[in-house]
Each structure stands twice: as C-alpha cells, then as structure tokens.
Amino acid sequence: MNIKITYHSGIYTLEAKQQLNCDLQTAWDFFGTPENLQAITPNNMGFEITSGADGKIYPGKIITYTISIFPVIKSKWVTEITQIAMLQYFIDEQRNGPYTLWHHEHHFENKNNGVLMTDIVSYKLPAGFLGRSFAGKMVAKKLKEIFSFRYEVLHNRFA
C-alpha cells in the first residue's frame, strides 16, 4: 500500500492507494455499506457506529460513531455523505468530531483486472499551531496505522 501525508496551508492530506482483486460493483457495494466500517477499523480504536449503519450510502446520509482517538479518550463523531458518483467516488465530511476539518474522498477505478481504490483525506487539527505542534506527528502516525490495518483487511478479503 502506498500511503503519504503532505501538509499545506494548515491542512494535512493523506493519500492511500490499494489495488483490490475484485470487480467495481463488489468494491462499491462493500464501501457503500456503512456497517462494513467496523471490519476495516482496528479493534483498539473502540469504533462503534451509533446510527446510520443501516442500508447503503446516499447524499445527505448522516452516520454517527464513537471512537477512541487516543487511549482512553472517547470521541463522538458525525459524518455526512456529501457527494456520490456511482461506481466512481463518494465523499464523507465530518459535521462534528475531533477535527476542525475532515473531508474524505473514496475513489474507485477499473485497473489491472481489478479496482484501484484511492483514499484522499484532507484534515485540519484543532488549536492551530499548538494542535500541529503537539499532535501533528502523532495523528499522522495514527492515520497511517489505521490505513495500514485497512490495507491488510482488504487484501485478505479481496485476495
């Protein structure tokens, strides 16, 4: 898996790419079902969907979670599915939660007899310079761990 994080104008951008050994519809169906988030999130994060897990995604769908961002610190998180282009991409954005900004693009394309999935996450930490100074590297490391975990789960699922 290729994961990189860049920083520009107060915003971090994580980009992760993974080749999935499945067809586009299978990948879309898996990622378009919110309850599957549980399977691709590390257990030590205490991730739990509290509403919106039922059914498929659609523009305007609100999904709420609790998650442990850091050990013993639980956070409530509300995201909204803001845009969908069927079998191409969808975007979720944080409406309430630990970040000042969270914009997550999920892209899917037929490639190499499978699906190339690209995640682009733009995020901004709270507290400006202090947030970046105290938590910037720690959050980047945690996000890399989460996406590495996802890589392993998806590799095994779609192998």
Protein backbone atom coordinates (compact mmCIF):
# COMPACT_ATOMS: atom_id res chain seq x y z
CA MET A 1 0.00 0.00 0.00
CA ASN A 2 1.16 3.46 -0.82
CA ILE A 3 0.35 5.98 1.98
CA LYS A 4 1.66 9.53 2.02
CA ILE A 5 0.79 12.58 4.09
CA THR A 6 1.55 16.11 2.98
CA TYR A 7 0.98 19.44 4.70
CA HIS A 8 -0.07 22.71 3.05
CA SER A 9 -1.78 25.90 4.27
CA GLY A 10 -2.75 24.42 7.64
CA ILE A 11 -4.27 21.29 6.09
CA TYR A 12 -2.86 17.78 6.04
CA THR A 13 -3.65 15.49 3.12
CA LEU A 14 -3.36 11.73 3.37
CA GLU A 15 -3.41 9.76 0.14
CA ALA A 16 -3.61 5.97 0.16
CA LYS A 17 -3.86 3.69 -2.85
CA GLN A 18 -4.69 0.00 -2.94
CA GLN A 19 -5.34 -2.45 -5.74
CA LEU A 20 -8.31 -4.71 -4.94
CA ASN A 21 -8.75 -8.09 -6.59
CA CYS A 22 -12.47 -7.72 -7.33
CA ASP A 23 -14.80 -6.02 -9.78
CA LEU A 24 -16.00 -2.44 -9.44
CA GLN A 25 -19.53 -3.36 -8.29
CA THR A 26 -18.19 -5.59 -5.49
CA ALA A 27 -15.86 -2.85 -4.22
CA TRP A 28 -18.63 -0.24 -4.45
CA ASP A 29 -21.11 -2.44 -2.58
CA PHE A 30 -18.62 -3.11 0.22
CA PHE A 31 -17.60 0.53 0.74
CA GLY A 32 -21.10 1.85 0.18
CA THR A 33 -22.37 -0.12 3.18
CA PRO A 34 -21.59 1.82 6.40
CA GLU A 35 -21.71 -1.24 8.66
CA ASN A 36 -18.54 -2.51 6.90
CA LEU A 37 -16.56 0.34 8.51
CA GLN A 38 -16.35 -1.77 11.66
CA ALA A 39 -14.44 -4.51 9.82
CA ILE A 40 -11.78 -2.13 8.44
CA THR A 41 -11.14 -0.20 11.67
CA PRO A 42 -8.62 -1.50 14.22
CA ASN A 43 -10.29 -3.05 17.28
CA ASN A 44 -8.17 -0.99 19.68
CA MET A 45 -9.93 2.16 18.48
CA GLY A 46 -13.21 1.19 20.14
CA PHE A 47 -15.07 2.11 16.95
CA GLU A 48 -18.84 1.81 17.16
CA ILE A 49 -21.47 3.14 14.77
CA THR A 50 -24.29 4.60 16.84
CA SER A 51 -26.64 5.48 13.95
CA GLY A 52 -26.77 5.34 10.17
CA ALA A 53 -25.26 1.85 9.73
CA ASP A 54 -28.35 0.51 8.01
CA GLY A 55 -28.69 0.44 4.26
CA LYS A 56 -26.48 1.95 1.59
CA ILE A 57 -24.94 5.40 1.40
CA TYR A 58 -26.68 8.30 -0.33
CA PRO A 59 -26.03 12.07 -0.44
CA GLY A 60 -27.14 13.54 2.87
CA LYS A 61 -26.83 10.31 4.88
CA ILE A 62 -25.65 11.04 8.43
CA ILE A 63 -23.56 8.42 10.22
CA THR A 64 -22.63 8.79 13.89
CA TYR A 65 -19.85 6.96 15.73
CA THR A 66 -17.91 6.78 18.92
CA ILE A 67 -14.19 6.17 18.58
CA SER A 68 -11.10 6.30 20.77
CA ILE A 69 -8.78 8.72 19.02
CA PHE A 70 -6.16 8.32 21.75
CA PRO A 71 -6.09 5.71 24.53
CA VAL A 72 -8.97 6.25 26.99
CA ILE A 73 -10.22 9.38 25.17
CA LYS A 74 -13.58 8.60 23.51
CA SER A 75 -14.87 10.98 20.89
CA LYS A 76 -18.26 11.30 19.24
CA TRP A 77 -18.05 11.74 15.50
CA VAL A 78 -20.74 12.74 12.99
CA THR A 79 -20.12 12.43 9.25
CA GLU A 80 -22.30 13.18 6.26
CA ILE A 81 -22.09 11.60 2.83
CA THR A 82 -21.99 14.76 0.74
CA GLN A 83 -21.37 13.56 -2.83
CA ILE A 84 -21.70 10.34 -4.80
CA ALA A 85 -20.87 9.46 -8.40
CA MET A 86 -21.99 5.82 -8.67
CA LEU A 87 -19.13 3.36 -9.13
CA GLN A 88 -16.62 6.25 -9.26
CA TYR A 89 -16.37 8.06 -5.91
CA PHE A 90 -18.11 9.24 -2.79
CA ILE A 91 -17.18 11.85 -0.20
CA ASP A 92 -17.83 11.93 3.51
CA GLU A 93 -17.28 15.03 5.63
CA GLN A 94 -17.16 15.46 9.38
CA ARG A 95 -20.02 17.53 10.76
CA ASN A 96 -18.97 17.18 14.39
CA GLY A 97 -15.92 15.49 15.85
CA PRO A 98 -12.26 15.68 16.75
CA TYR A 99 -11.01 17.55 13.67
CA THR A 100 -11.50 21.13 12.59
CA LEU A 101 -11.85 19.74 9.04
CA TRP A 102 -12.29 16.17 7.77
CA HIS A 103 -13.00 15.65 4.05
CA HIS A 104 -12.61 12.03 2.86
CA GLU A 105 -12.77 11.16 -0.83
CA HIS A 106 -13.12 7.47 -1.81
CA HIS A 107 -12.24 6.90 -5.50
CA PHE A 108 -12.68 3.65 -7.44
CA GLU A 109 -11.47 2.80 -10.94
CA ASN A 110 -11.11 -0.32 -13.05
CA LYS A 111 -7.43 -1.06 -13.34
CA ASN A 112 -5.19 -4.11 -13.81
CA ASN A 113 -8.08 -6.61 -13.82
CA GLY A 114 -9.35 -5.26 -10.52
CA VAL A 115 -10.12 -1.99 -8.79
CA LEU A 116 -7.69 0.73 -7.84
CA MET A 117 -9.06 2.37 -4.71
CA THR A 118 -7.70 5.78 -3.75
CA ASP A 119 -8.50 7.47 -0.45
CA ILE A 120 -7.78 11.18 -0.15
CA VAL A 121 -8.31 12.60 3.32
CA SER A 122 -7.90 16.33 3.91
CA TYR A 123 -7.91 17.16 7.60
CA LYS A 124 -7.10 20.04 9.89
CA LEU A 125 -6.25 19.73 13.55
CA PRO A 126 -7.86 21.96 16.17
CA ALA A 127 -5.90 24.64 18.09
CA GLY A 128 -3.86 25.88 15.12
CA PHE A 129 -0.11 25.96 15.69
CA LEU A 130 -0.42 24.31 19.10
CA GLY A 131 -2.51 21.45 17.68
CA ARG A 132 0.01 20.89 14.89
CA SER A 133 2.97 21.14 17.28
CA PHE A 134 1.62 18.77 19.92
CA ALA A 135 -0.43 16.33 17.86
CA GLY A 136 0.52 16.67 14.19
CA LYS A 137 3.03 13.81 14.02
CA MET A 138 1.03 11.63 16.41
CA VAL A 139 -2.19 11.99 14.36
CA ALA A 140 -0.34 11.34 11.10
CA LYS A 141 1.19 8.18 12.60
CA LYS A 142 -2.21 7.01 13.88
CA LEU A 143 -3.86 7.58 10.48
CA LYS A 144 -1.07 5.64 8.75
CA GLU A 145 -1.66 2.78 11.22
CA ILE A 146 -5.41 2.83 10.51
CA PHE A 147 -4.93 2.78 6.74
CA SER A 148 -2.27 0.05 7.03
CA PHE A 149 -4.76 -2.04 9.02
CA ARG A 150 -7.40 -1.40 6.35
CA TYR A 151 -4.91 -2.49 3.70
CA GLU A 152 -4.36 -5.85 5.42
CA VAL A 153 -8.08 -6.48 5.96
CA LEU A 154 -8.95 -5.56 2.37
CA HIS A 155 -6.02 -7.53 0.94
CA ASN A 156 -7.25 -10.62 2.78
CA ARG A 157 -10.91 -10.03 1.93
CA PHE A 158 -10.36 -9.44 -1.80
CA ALA A 159 -7.36 -11.75 -2.34
